[in-house]
Amino acid sequence: MKPEKIRVCLIGCGRAGMIHARNFMGGIHGAVLSAPCDPAKEMLENASEETGVNKCYTDWHEVMKDPDIDAVIVVTPTQFHHDIVIAAAESGKHVFCEKPMASDEKECDEMIEACKKNGVLLQIGFMRRFDRSFQRGKMMLDQGMIGEVTMIRSNTYGPSEPKEWMYDVHKNYGPLGEVNSHDFDSRAQMTHVMQA
């Protein structure tokens, strides 16, 4: 018998992870935050205290063994996304993975294939696709309402100081990947308009 709500584990309780946690606290229809997971004890304790969720994990491998977790939200440094997403897929858990998706195209393809093979959903955290302003802008471009597109300019900033690990290209793509990946994704959504 399926649970009434999808039971979700948040893997990564830093600044971005806690944005997701607070969204669940505000009420996400059909889902409930069942457990936070973070190897940093202080962050995990803070997440548990703020959310009121007492079931906690310090090791994401243990999350995959929990039959009471239906889905995971992956908000870790990029270097860990690939392994966590594949393990979640193989455990039959649906996945919301923050961007950047992975370290390279090969890892992205493997993550997609694992989710397809195991029949679980995979979504990447490109929320601008669902933003009404961006959707309206794309509609205006599609319909030629603003004329011929010759350039799209996007100014983006992050809401906090970049963390030290963000500058290590072996762990992720730095602020360019962490923040500007939204701009690259938006551009990809608009590309066919510019090529028409």
N, C-alpha and C. Protein backbone atom coordinates (compact mmCIF):
# COMPACT_ATOMS: atom_id res chain seq x y z
N MET A 1 0.83 -1.19 0.00
CA MET A 1 0.00 0.00 0.00
C MET A 1 0.88 1.25 0.00
N LYS A 2 0.57 2.18 -0.88
CA LYS A 2 1.34 3.41 -0.98
C LYS A 2 1.04 4.34 0.18
N PRO A 3 2.07 5.07 0.66
CA PRO A 3 1.81 6.04 1.73
C PRO A 3 0.97 7.19 1.20
N GLU A 4 0.26 7.86 2.11
CA GLU A 4 -0.57 9.00 1.71
C GLU A 4 0.28 10.13 1.16
N LYS A 5 1.47 10.31 1.73
CA LYS A 5 2.38 11.35 1.28
C LYS A 5 3.73 10.74 0.95
N ILE A 6 4.41 11.33 -0.03
CA ILE A 6 5.76 10.89 -0.36
C ILE A 6 6.69 11.32 0.77
N ARG A 7 7.43 10.37 1.30
CA ARG A 7 8.32 10.63 2.43
C ARG A 7 9.72 10.93 1.90
N VAL A 8 10.19 12.12 2.21
CA VAL A 8 11.41 12.64 1.60
C VAL A 8 12.54 12.79 2.62
N CYS A 9 13.75 12.46 2.17
CA CYS A 9 14.95 12.72 2.97
C CYS A 9 15.75 13.82 2.29
N LEU A 10 16.11 14.82 3.05
CA LEU A 10 16.95 15.92 2.57
C LEU A 10 18.40 15.54 2.82
N ILE A 11 19.19 15.38 1.74
CA ILE A 11 20.60 15.02 1.87
C ILE A 11 21.42 16.28 1.62
N GLY A 12 21.89 16.87 2.71
CA GLY A 12 22.64 18.14 2.65
C GLY A 12 21.85 19.23 3.33
N CYS A 13 22.31 19.65 4.50
CA CYS A 13 21.55 20.61 5.32
C CYS A 13 22.23 21.97 5.43
N GLY A 14 22.95 22.36 4.39
CA GLY A 14 23.55 23.69 4.35
C GLY A 14 22.51 24.74 3.98
N ARG A 15 22.99 25.90 3.53
CA ARG A 15 22.08 27.01 3.21
C ARG A 15 21.02 26.61 2.19
N ALA A 16 21.45 26.03 1.07
CA ALA A 16 20.50 25.66 0.02
C ALA A 16 19.59 24.52 0.47
N GLY A 17 20.16 23.56 1.19
CA GLY A 17 19.35 22.45 1.68
C GLY A 17 18.24 22.93 2.61
N MET A 18 18.55 23.89 3.46
CA MET A 18 17.55 24.38 4.40
C MET A 18 16.46 25.20 3.71
N ILE A 19 16.75 25.74 2.54
CA ILE A 19 15.67 26.38 1.76
C ILE A 19 14.64 25.33 1.40
N HIS A 20 15.10 24.17 0.97
CA HIS A 20 14.18 23.07 0.66
C HIS A 20 13.43 22.62 1.92
N ALA A 21 14.16 22.49 3.02
CA ALA A 21 13.53 22.06 4.27
C ALA A 21 12.42 23.02 4.69
N ARG A 22 12.69 24.31 4.57
CA ARG A 22 11.67 25.31 4.95
C ARG A 22 10.47 25.26 4.03
N ASN A 23 10.71 24.95 2.76
CA ASN A 23 9.58 24.78 1.85
C ASN A 23 8.67 23.65 2.31
N PHE A 24 9.27 22.56 2.77
CA PHE A 24 8.47 21.45 3.27
C PHE A 24 7.73 21.84 4.54
N MET A 25 8.37 22.63 5.38
CA MET A 25 7.72 23.09 6.61
C MET A 25 6.50 23.95 6.29
N GLY A 26 6.58 24.69 5.18
CA GLY A 26 5.46 25.53 4.74
C GLY A 26 4.34 24.72 4.12
N GLY A 27 4.63 23.48 3.82
CA GLY A 27 3.60 22.60 3.28
C GLY A 27 3.74 22.38 1.79
N ILE A 28 4.20 21.20 1.42
CA ILE A 28 4.26 20.80 0.01
C ILE A 28 3.20 19.71 -0.14
N HIS A 29 2.24 19.98 -0.98
CA HIS A 29 1.12 19.05 -1.16
C HIS A 29 1.63 17.66 -1.56
N GLY A 30 1.22 16.66 -0.84
CA GLY A 30 1.54 15.28 -1.19
C GLY A 30 2.90 14.79 -0.76
N ALA A 31 3.63 15.60 0.02
CA ALA A 31 4.97 15.16 0.45
C ALA A 31 5.24 15.65 1.87
N VAL A 32 6.13 14.94 2.55
CA VAL A 32 6.51 15.31 3.91
C VAL A 32 8.01 15.06 4.10
N LEU A 33 8.67 15.96 4.80
CA LEU A 33 10.08 15.77 5.12
C LEU A 33 10.17 14.76 6.26
N SER A 34 10.77 13.60 5.97
CA SER A 34 10.85 12.53 6.96
C SER A 34 12.17 12.45 7.68
N ALA A 35 13.24 12.96 7.03
CA ALA A 35 14.56 12.88 7.66
C ALA A 35 15.54 13.82 6.98
N PRO A 36 16.38 14.50 7.76
CA PRO A 36 17.52 15.21 7.19
C PRO A 36 18.75 14.31 7.27
N CYS A 37 19.72 14.56 6.38
CA CYS A 37 20.97 13.80 6.37
C CYS A 37 22.12 14.76 6.10
N ASP A 38 23.14 14.71 6.95
CA ASP A 38 24.32 15.54 6.74
C ASP A 38 25.45 14.96 7.60
N PRO A 39 26.66 14.88 7.06
CA PRO A 39 27.77 14.36 7.87
C PRO A 39 28.24 15.33 8.94
N ALA A 40 27.91 16.61 8.79
CA ALA A 40 28.31 17.61 9.79
C ALA A 40 27.29 17.61 10.93
N LYS A 41 27.72 17.16 12.09
CA LYS A 41 26.82 16.98 13.23
C LYS A 41 26.06 18.25 13.59
N GLU A 42 26.75 19.38 13.63
CA GLU A 42 26.10 20.63 14.02
C GLU A 42 25.01 21.04 13.03
N MET A 43 25.30 20.90 11.74
CA MET A 43 24.30 21.23 10.72
C MET A 43 23.10 20.32 10.83
N LEU A 44 23.34 19.04 11.06
CA LEU A 44 22.27 18.06 11.18
C LEU A 44 21.40 18.36 12.39
N GLU A 45 22.03 18.69 13.52
CA GLU A 45 21.28 19.02 14.73
C GLU A 45 20.45 20.28 14.51
N ASN A 46 21.02 21.27 13.86
CA ASN A 46 20.27 22.50 13.58
C ASN A 46 19.08 22.23 12.67
N ALA A 47 19.28 21.38 11.66
CA ALA A 47 18.20 21.04 10.74
C ALA A 47 17.08 20.29 11.47
N SER A 48 17.46 19.36 12.32
CA SER A 48 16.48 18.59 13.07
C SER A 48 15.67 19.50 14.00
N GLU A 49 16.38 20.40 14.67
CA GLU A 49 15.72 21.32 15.60
C GLU A 49 14.76 22.26 14.86
N GLU A 50 15.22 22.82 13.74
CA GLU A 50 14.38 23.77 13.01
C GLU A 50 13.16 23.10 12.39
N THR A 51 13.33 21.89 11.86
CA THR A 51 12.22 21.21 11.18
C THR A 51 11.34 20.41 12.12
N GLY A 52 11.88 20.07 13.29
CA GLY A 52 11.12 19.22 14.21
C GLY A 52 11.13 17.76 13.80
N VAL A 53 12.01 17.40 12.88
CA VAL A 53 12.12 16.02 12.41
C VAL A 53 13.27 15.36 13.17
N ASN A 54 12.96 14.30 13.91
CA ASN A 54 13.95 13.69 14.78
C ASN A 54 14.74 12.54 14.15
N LYS A 55 14.18 11.95 13.11
CA LYS A 55 14.88 10.86 12.42
C LYS A 55 15.97 11.50 11.56
N CYS A 56 17.25 11.20 11.87
CA CYS A 56 18.37 11.86 11.18
C CYS A 56 19.40 10.83 10.73
N TYR A 57 20.12 11.19 9.68
CA TYR A 57 21.19 10.36 9.17
C TYR A 57 22.46 11.20 9.00
N THR A 58 23.61 10.59 9.33
CA THR A 58 24.89 11.25 9.06
C THR A 58 25.54 10.66 7.81
N ASP A 59 25.04 9.53 7.34
CA ASP A 59 25.61 8.85 6.18
C ASP A 59 24.52 8.58 5.16
N TRP A 60 24.65 9.14 3.95
CA TRP A 60 23.60 8.97 2.95
C TRP A 60 23.42 7.52 2.52
N HIS A 61 24.44 6.69 2.69
CA HIS A 61 24.31 5.27 2.35
C HIS A 61 23.21 4.62 3.18
N GLU A 62 23.07 5.04 4.43
CA GLU A 62 22.05 4.48 5.31
C GLU A 62 20.65 4.89 4.87
N VAL A 63 20.53 6.06 4.27
CA VAL A 63 19.22 6.53 3.76
C VAL A 63 18.70 5.55 2.73
N MET A 64 19.59 5.03 1.89
CA MET A 64 19.18 4.15 0.80
C MET A 64 18.62 2.83 1.31
N LYS A 65 18.95 2.46 2.54
CA LYS A 65 18.46 1.20 3.12
C LYS A 65 17.11 1.37 3.80
N ASP A 66 16.65 2.61 3.94
CA ASP A 66 15.42 2.89 4.70
C ASP A 66 14.20 2.75 3.79
N PRO A 67 13.38 1.73 4.02
CA PRO A 67 12.19 1.52 3.18
C PRO A 67 11.11 2.59 3.39
N ASP A 68 11.26 3.38 4.45
CA ASP A 68 10.27 4.42 4.73
C ASP A 68 10.62 5.76 4.07
N ILE A 69 11.68 5.79 3.28
CA ILE A 69 12.03 6.98 2.50
C ILE A 69 11.69 6.69 1.04
N ASP A 70 10.82 7.51 0.46
CA ASP A 70 10.38 7.30 -0.92
C ASP A 70 11.18 8.13 -1.92
N ALA A 71 11.76 9.24 -1.46
CA ALA A 71 12.46 10.15 -2.37
C ALA A 71 13.55 10.90 -1.61
N VAL A 72 14.52 11.41 -2.36
CA VAL A 72 15.59 12.19 -1.76
C VAL A 72 15.73 13.53 -2.48
N ILE A 73 16.18 14.52 -1.73
CA ILE A 73 16.56 15.81 -2.29
C ILE A 73 18.07 15.91 -2.08
N VAL A 74 18.82 15.99 -3.17
CA VAL A 74 20.28 15.98 -3.08
C VAL A 74 20.79 17.42 -3.18
N VAL A 75 21.31 17.92 -2.05
CA VAL A 75 21.80 19.30 -1.97
C VAL A 75 23.20 19.27 -1.35
N THR A 76 24.06 18.49 -1.96
CA THR A 76 25.44 18.33 -1.50
C THR A 76 26.36 19.03 -2.50
N PRO A 77 27.66 19.15 -2.18
CA PRO A 77 28.58 19.62 -3.21
C PRO A 77 28.47 18.73 -4.46
N THR A 78 28.66 19.31 -5.61
CA THR A 78 28.43 18.64 -6.89
C THR A 78 29.17 17.31 -7.03
N GLN A 79 30.34 17.22 -6.47
CA GLN A 79 31.14 16.00 -6.63
C GLN A 79 30.45 14.74 -6.09
N PHE A 80 29.46 14.91 -5.21
CA PHE A 80 28.76 13.77 -4.63
C PHE A 80 27.45 13.42 -5.34
N HIS A 81 26.96 14.28 -6.21
CA HIS A 81 25.65 14.07 -6.83
C HIS A 81 25.54 12.73 -7.55
N HIS A 82 26.52 12.42 -8.38
CA HIS A 82 26.47 11.21 -9.20
C HIS A 82 26.23 9.96 -8.36
N ASP A 83 27.06 9.73 -7.36
CA ASP A 83 26.96 8.51 -6.56
C ASP A 83 25.66 8.46 -5.77
N ILE A 84 25.25 9.58 -5.22
CA ILE A 84 24.01 9.60 -4.42
C ILE A 84 22.80 9.33 -5.30
N VAL A 85 22.74 9.98 -6.45
CA VAL A 85 21.59 9.81 -7.34
C VAL A 85 21.50 8.38 -7.85
N ILE A 86 22.61 7.80 -8.24
CA ILE A 86 22.58 6.41 -8.73
C ILE A 86 22.17 5.46 -7.61
N ALA A 87 22.68 5.66 -6.42
CA ALA A 87 22.30 4.80 -5.28
C ALA A 87 20.81 4.95 -4.98
N ALA A 88 20.30 6.17 -5.04
CA ALA A 88 18.88 6.40 -4.79
C ALA A 88 18.04 5.69 -5.84
N ALA A 89 18.43 5.81 -7.10
CA ALA A 89 17.69 5.16 -8.18
C ALA A 89 17.68 3.65 -7.98
N GLU A 90 18.83 3.09 -7.65
CA GLU A 90 18.92 1.64 -7.44
C GLU A 90 18.16 1.19 -6.21
N SER A 91 17.86 2.13 -5.31
CA SER A 91 17.06 1.82 -4.11
C SER A 91 15.58 2.10 -4.35
N GLY A 92 15.24 2.52 -5.57
CA GLY A 92 13.84 2.78 -5.91
C GLY A 92 13.31 4.09 -5.35
N LYS A 93 14.21 5.04 -5.09
CA LYS A 93 13.80 6.32 -4.53
C LYS A 93 13.85 7.41 -5.61
N HIS A 94 12.79 8.19 -5.69
CA HIS A 94 12.75 9.30 -6.63
C HIS A 94 13.76 10.36 -6.20
N VAL A 95 14.19 11.19 -7.16
CA VAL A 95 15.30 12.11 -6.90
C VAL A 95 15.00 13.52 -7.40
N PHE A 96 15.21 14.49 -6.50
CA PHE A 96 15.34 15.89 -6.89
C PHE A 96 16.79 16.23 -6.60
N CYS A 97 17.55 16.60 -7.64
CA CYS A 97 18.97 16.89 -7.48
C CYS A 97 19.23 18.34 -7.81
N GLU A 98 19.91 19.01 -6.92
CA GLU A 98 20.25 20.41 -7.19
C GLU A 98 21.25 20.49 -8.33
N LYS A 99 21.35 21.66 -8.91
CA LYS A 99 22.30 21.89 -9.97
C LYS A 99 23.60 22.43 -9.37
N PRO A 100 24.70 22.33 -10.09
CA PRO A 100 24.91 21.61 -11.34
C PRO A 100 24.66 20.12 -11.14
N MET A 101 24.16 19.47 -12.17
CA MET A 101 23.74 18.08 -12.05
C MET A 101 24.89 17.17 -11.64
N ALA A 102 26.05 17.30 -12.29
CA ALA A 102 27.18 16.42 -12.01
C ALA A 102 28.47 17.07 -12.50
N SER A 103 29.56 16.34 -12.41
CA SER A 103 30.86 16.88 -12.76
C SER A 103 31.13 16.91 -14.25
N ASP A 104 30.47 16.01 -15.01
CA ASP A 104 30.66 16.00 -16.46
C ASP A 104 29.47 15.33 -17.13
N GLU A 105 29.46 15.37 -18.45
CA GLU A 105 28.34 14.84 -19.22
C GLU A 105 28.16 13.34 -19.01
N LYS A 106 29.26 12.62 -18.91
CA LYS A 106 29.20 11.16 -18.71
C LYS A 106 28.45 10.84 -17.41
N GLU A 107 28.78 11.55 -16.34
CA GLU A 107 28.08 11.32 -15.07
C GLU A 107 26.60 11.64 -15.20
N CYS A 108 26.27 12.72 -15.90
CA CYS A 108 24.86 13.09 -16.10
C CYS A 108 24.12 11.97 -16.83
N ASP A 109 24.73 11.46 -17.90
CA ASP A 109 24.10 10.38 -18.66
C ASP A 109 23.89 9.15 -17.79
N GLU A 110 24.86 8.82 -16.95
CA GLU A 110 24.74 7.65 -16.08
C GLU A 110 23.63 7.85 -15.05
N MET A 111 23.48 9.06 -14.55
CA MET A 111 22.42 9.35 -13.58
C MET A 111 21.05 9.21 -14.23
N ILE A 112 20.92 9.76 -15.43
CA ILE A 112 19.65 9.67 -16.17
C ILE A 112 19.31 8.22 -16.46
N GLU A 113 20.30 7.47 -16.94
CA GLU A 113 20.08 6.07 -17.28
C GLU A 113 19.68 5.25 -16.05
N ALA A 114 20.33 5.49 -14.91
CA ALA A 114 20.00 4.74 -13.68
C ALA A 114 18.56 5.00 -13.25
N CYS A 115 18.13 6.25 -13.38
CA CYS A 115 16.75 6.58 -12.99
C CYS A 115 15.74 5.96 -13.95
N LYS A 116 16.05 6.00 -15.24
CA LYS A 116 15.16 5.36 -16.23
C LYS A 116 15.07 3.86 -15.98
N LYS A 117 16.23 3.24 -15.81
CA LYS A 117 16.31 1.79 -15.63
C LYS A 117 15.51 1.33 -14.40
N ASN A 118 15.53 2.14 -13.35
CA ASN A 118 14.87 1.75 -12.11
C ASN A 118 13.48 2.36 -11.95
N GLY A 119 13.01 3.05 -12.98
CA GLY A 119 11.63 3.57 -12.97
C GLY A 119 11.36 4.64 -11.93
N VAL A 120 12.38 5.46 -11.64
CA VAL A 120 12.17 6.55 -10.68
C VAL A 120 12.29 7.89 -11.40
N LEU A 121 11.67 8.88 -10.84
CA LEU A 121 11.70 10.22 -11.41
C LEU A 121 12.98 10.94 -11.01
N LEU A 122 13.51 11.74 -11.93
CA LEU A 122 14.68 12.56 -11.67
C LEU A 122 14.37 13.98 -12.12
N GLN A 123 14.53 14.93 -11.23
CA GLN A 123 14.35 16.34 -11.58
C GLN A 123 15.56 17.11 -11.09
N ILE A 124 16.02 18.06 -11.92
CA ILE A 124 17.16 18.90 -11.56
C ILE A 124 16.62 20.26 -11.14
N GLY A 125 17.31 20.91 -10.19
CA GLY A 125 16.81 22.14 -9.57
C GLY A 125 16.90 23.40 -10.42
N PHE A 126 16.42 23.33 -11.64
CA PHE A 126 16.35 24.52 -12.49
C PHE A 126 14.95 25.13 -12.37
N MET A 127 14.72 25.86 -11.28
CA MET A 127 13.39 26.36 -10.97
C MET A 127 12.93 27.49 -11.88
N ARG A 128 13.88 28.13 -12.59
CA ARG A 128 13.46 29.22 -13.48
C ARG A 128 12.53 28.72 -14.57
N ARG A 129 12.61 27.46 -14.91
CA ARG A 129 11.72 26.90 -15.91
C ARG A 129 10.25 27.03 -15.49
N PHE A 130 10.03 27.12 -14.19
CA PHE A 130 8.67 27.17 -13.67
C PHE A 130 8.29 28.58 -13.19
N ASP A 131 9.22 29.52 -13.31
CA ASP A 131 8.97 30.89 -12.90
C ASP A 131 8.09 31.58 -13.94
N ARG A 132 7.00 32.20 -13.49
CA ARG A 132 6.05 32.80 -14.43
C ARG A 132 6.69 33.90 -15.28
N SER A 133 7.61 34.66 -14.72
CA SER A 133 8.26 35.71 -15.49
C SER A 133 9.10 35.13 -16.62
N PHE A 134 9.84 34.06 -16.32
CA PHE A 134 10.65 33.42 -17.35
C PHE A 134 9.75 32.75 -18.40
N GLN A 135 8.67 32.12 -17.94
CA GLN A 135 7.76 31.49 -18.88
C GLN A 135 7.12 32.52 -19.81
N ARG A 136 6.76 33.66 -19.24
CA ARG A 136 6.17 34.73 -20.07
C ARG A 136 7.20 35.27 -21.07
N GLY A 137 8.45 35.45 -20.61
CA GLY A 137 9.50 35.91 -21.51
C GLY A 137 9.71 34.95 -22.66
N LYS A 138 9.71 33.65 -22.37
CA LYS A 138 9.88 32.65 -23.43
C LYS A 138 8.69 32.69 -24.38
N MET A 139 7.48 32.83 -23.85
CA MET A 139 6.29 32.91 -24.70
C MET A 139 6.39 34.12 -25.62
N MET A 140 6.84 35.24 -25.10
CA MET A 140 6.98 36.45 -25.91
C MET A 140 8.00 36.25 -27.03
N LEU A 141 9.10 35.55 -26.71
CA LEU A 141 10.10 35.25 -27.73
C LEU A 141 9.53 34.29 -28.78
N ASP A 142 8.86 33.23 -28.31
CA ASP A 142 8.27 32.24 -29.22
C ASP A 142 7.31 32.90 -30.20
N GLN A 143 6.54 33.86 -29.72
CA GLN A 143 5.52 34.50 -30.55
C GLN A 143 6.04 35.71 -31.32
N GLY A 144 7.34 35.99 -31.18
CA GLY A 144 7.92 37.10 -31.92
C GLY A 144 7.42 38.46 -31.47
N MET A 145 6.98 38.56 -30.23
CA MET A 145 6.38 39.81 -29.73
C MET A 145 7.40 40.93 -29.55
N ILE A 146 8.69 40.57 -29.44
CA ILE A 146 9.68 41.63 -29.21
C ILE A 146 10.64 41.77 -30.38
N GLY A 147 10.32 41.13 -31.49
CA GLY A 147 11.16 41.23 -32.67
C GLY A 147 12.27 40.21 -32.68
N GLU A 148 13.24 40.42 -33.56
CA GLU A 148 14.34 39.48 -33.71
C GLU A 148 15.27 39.54 -32.50
N VAL A 149 15.59 38.37 -31.97
CA VAL A 149 16.49 38.29 -30.82
C VAL A 149 17.93 38.32 -31.31
N THR A 150 18.69 39.26 -30.84
CA THR A 150 20.11 39.33 -31.21
C THR A 150 21.02 39.07 -30.02
N MET A 151 20.49 39.25 -28.81
CA MET A 151 21.29 39.01 -27.61
C MET A 151 20.36 38.83 -26.41
N ILE A 152 20.73 37.95 -25.53
CA ILE A 152 20.05 37.80 -24.25
C ILE A 152 21.10 38.06 -23.18
N ARG A 153 20.85 39.00 -22.31
CA ARG A 153 21.79 39.33 -21.23
C ARG A 153 21.15 38.96 -19.90
N SER A 154 21.93 38.32 -19.06
CA SER A 154 21.42 37.90 -17.76
C SER A 154 22.42 38.29 -16.68
N ASN A 155 21.96 39.02 -15.70
CA ASN A 155 22.80 39.37 -14.55
C ASN A 155 22.32 38.55 -13.36
N THR A 156 23.23 37.78 -12.79
CA THR A 156 22.85 36.87 -11.71
C THR A 156 23.78 37.06 -10.52
N TYR A 157 23.23 36.90 -9.35
CA TYR A 157 24.06 36.92 -8.14
C TYR A 157 23.54 35.86 -7.19
N GLY A 158 24.42 35.38 -6.34
CA GLY A 158 24.03 34.40 -5.34
C GLY A 158 23.65 35.09 -4.05
N PRO A 159 22.87 34.43 -3.21
CA PRO A 159 22.39 35.05 -1.98
C PRO A 159 23.37 34.98 -0.82
N SER A 160 24.57 34.42 -1.06
CA SER A 160 25.51 34.31 0.05
C SER A 160 26.93 34.29 -0.49
N GLU A 161 27.88 34.37 0.42
CA GLU A 161 29.29 34.27 0.04
C GLU A 161 29.57 32.85 -0.45
N PRO A 162 30.32 32.70 -1.55
CA PRO A 162 30.68 31.35 -2.00
C PRO A 162 31.48 30.62 -0.93
N LYS A 163 31.21 29.33 -0.79
CA LYS A 163 31.94 28.50 0.16
C LYS A 163 33.30 28.13 -0.42
N GLU A 164 34.26 27.79 0.45
CA GLU A 164 35.61 27.48 0.01
C GLU A 164 35.64 26.34 -1.01
N TRP A 165 34.79 25.29 -0.81
CA TRP A 165 34.80 24.15 -1.72
C TRP A 165 34.33 24.53 -3.12
N MET A 166 33.62 25.64 -3.25
CA MET A 166 33.11 26.05 -4.55
C MET A 166 34.23 26.49 -5.50
N TYR A 167 35.40 26.79 -4.96
CA TYR A 167 36.51 27.24 -5.80
C TYR A 167 37.40 26.10 -6.27
N ASP A 168 37.10 24.88 -5.85
CA ASP A 168 37.89 23.71 -6.24
C ASP A 168 37.20 23.05 -7.43
N VAL A 169 37.79 23.17 -8.63
CA VAL A 169 37.15 22.64 -9.84
C VAL A 169 37.07 21.12 -9.83
N HIS A 170 37.75 20.45 -8.91
CA HIS A 170 37.62 19.00 -8.80
C HIS A 170 36.36 18.62 -8.03
N LYS A 171 35.77 19.59 -7.36
CA LYS A 171 34.55 19.33 -6.58
C LYS A 171 33.31 19.88 -7.28
N ASN A 172 33.47 20.95 -8.03
CA ASN A 172 32.35 21.52 -8.79
C ASN A 172 32.89 22.54 -9.77
N TYR A 173 32.03 23.36 -10.31
CA TYR A 173 32.47 24.35 -11.29
C TYR A 173 32.51 25.75 -10.71
N GLY A 174 32.64 25.87 -9.41
CA GLY A 174 32.76 27.17 -8.77
C GLY A 174 31.48 27.98 -8.88
N PRO A 175 31.56 29.26 -8.54
CA PRO A 175 30.36 30.11 -8.61
C PRO A 175 29.72 30.12 -10.00
N LEU A 176 30.54 29.95 -11.04
CA LEU A 176 29.99 29.89 -12.40
C LEU A 176 29.01 28.73 -12.53
N GLY A 177 29.39 27.57 -12.00
CA GLY A 177 28.50 26.41 -12.07
C GLY A 177 27.38 26.46 -11.06
N GLU A 178 27.69 26.93 -9.87
CA GLU A 178 26.70 26.94 -8.79
C GLU A 178 25.58 27.96 -9.03
N VAL A 179 25.93 29.11 -9.57
CA VAL A 179 24.94 30.19 -9.74
C VAL A 179 24.56 30.37 -11.21
N ASN A 180 25.57 30.48 -12.07
CA ASN A 180 25.28 30.80 -13.47
C ASN A 180 24.74 29.63 -14.27
N SER A 181 24.71 28.43 -13.70
CA SER A 181 24.10 27.31 -14.42
C SER A 181 22.63 27.60 -14.70
N HIS A 182 22.00 28.42 -13.87
CA HIS A 182 20.62 28.84 -14.16
C HIS A 182 20.57 29.62 -15.47
N ASP A 183 21.57 30.47 -15.69
CA ASP A 183 21.60 31.26 -16.92
C ASP A 183 21.82 30.38 -18.14
N PHE A 184 22.71 29.39 -17.99
CA PHE A 184 22.95 28.47 -19.11
C PHE A 184 21.68 27.68 -19.41
N ASP A 185 20.97 27.25 -18.37
CA ASP A 185 19.74 26.49 -18.58
C ASP A 185 18.68 27.37 -19.25
N SER A 186 18.57 28.62 -18.81
CA SER A 186 17.59 29.53 -19.42
C SER A 186 17.93 29.75 -20.89
N ARG A 187 19.21 29.91 -21.17
CA ARG A 187 19.63 30.09 -22.57
C ARG A 187 19.26 28.88 -23.39
N ALA A 188 19.48 27.66 -22.84
CA ALA A 188 19.15 26.44 -23.58
C ALA A 188 17.66 26.39 -23.90
N GLN A 189 16.84 26.89 -22.98
CA GLN A 189 15.40 26.90 -23.21
C GLN A 189 15.02 27.89 -24.32
N MET A 190 15.84 28.92 -24.52
CA MET A 190 15.54 29.95 -25.51
C MET A 190 16.21 29.69 -26.87
N THR A 191 17.18 28.77 -26.93
CA THR A 191 18.01 28.61 -28.11
C THR A 191 17.23 28.41 -29.38
N HIS A 192 16.19 27.57 -29.33
CA HIS A 192 15.47 27.29 -30.58
C HIS A 192 14.80 28.53 -31.13
N VAL A 193 14.46 29.49 -30.26
CA VAL A 193 13.85 30.74 -30.71
C VAL A 193 14.86 31.53 -31.52
N MET A 194 16.10 31.58 -31.04
CA MET A 194 17.14 32.35 -31.70
C MET A 194 17.57 31.70 -33.02
N GLN A 195 17.40 30.37 -33.12
CA GLN A 195 17.80 29.68 -34.34
C GLN A 195 16.69 29.68 -35.39
N ALA A 196 15.48 30.00 -35.01
CA ALA A 196 14.35 29.94 -35.94
C ALA A 196 14.47 30.98 -37.04
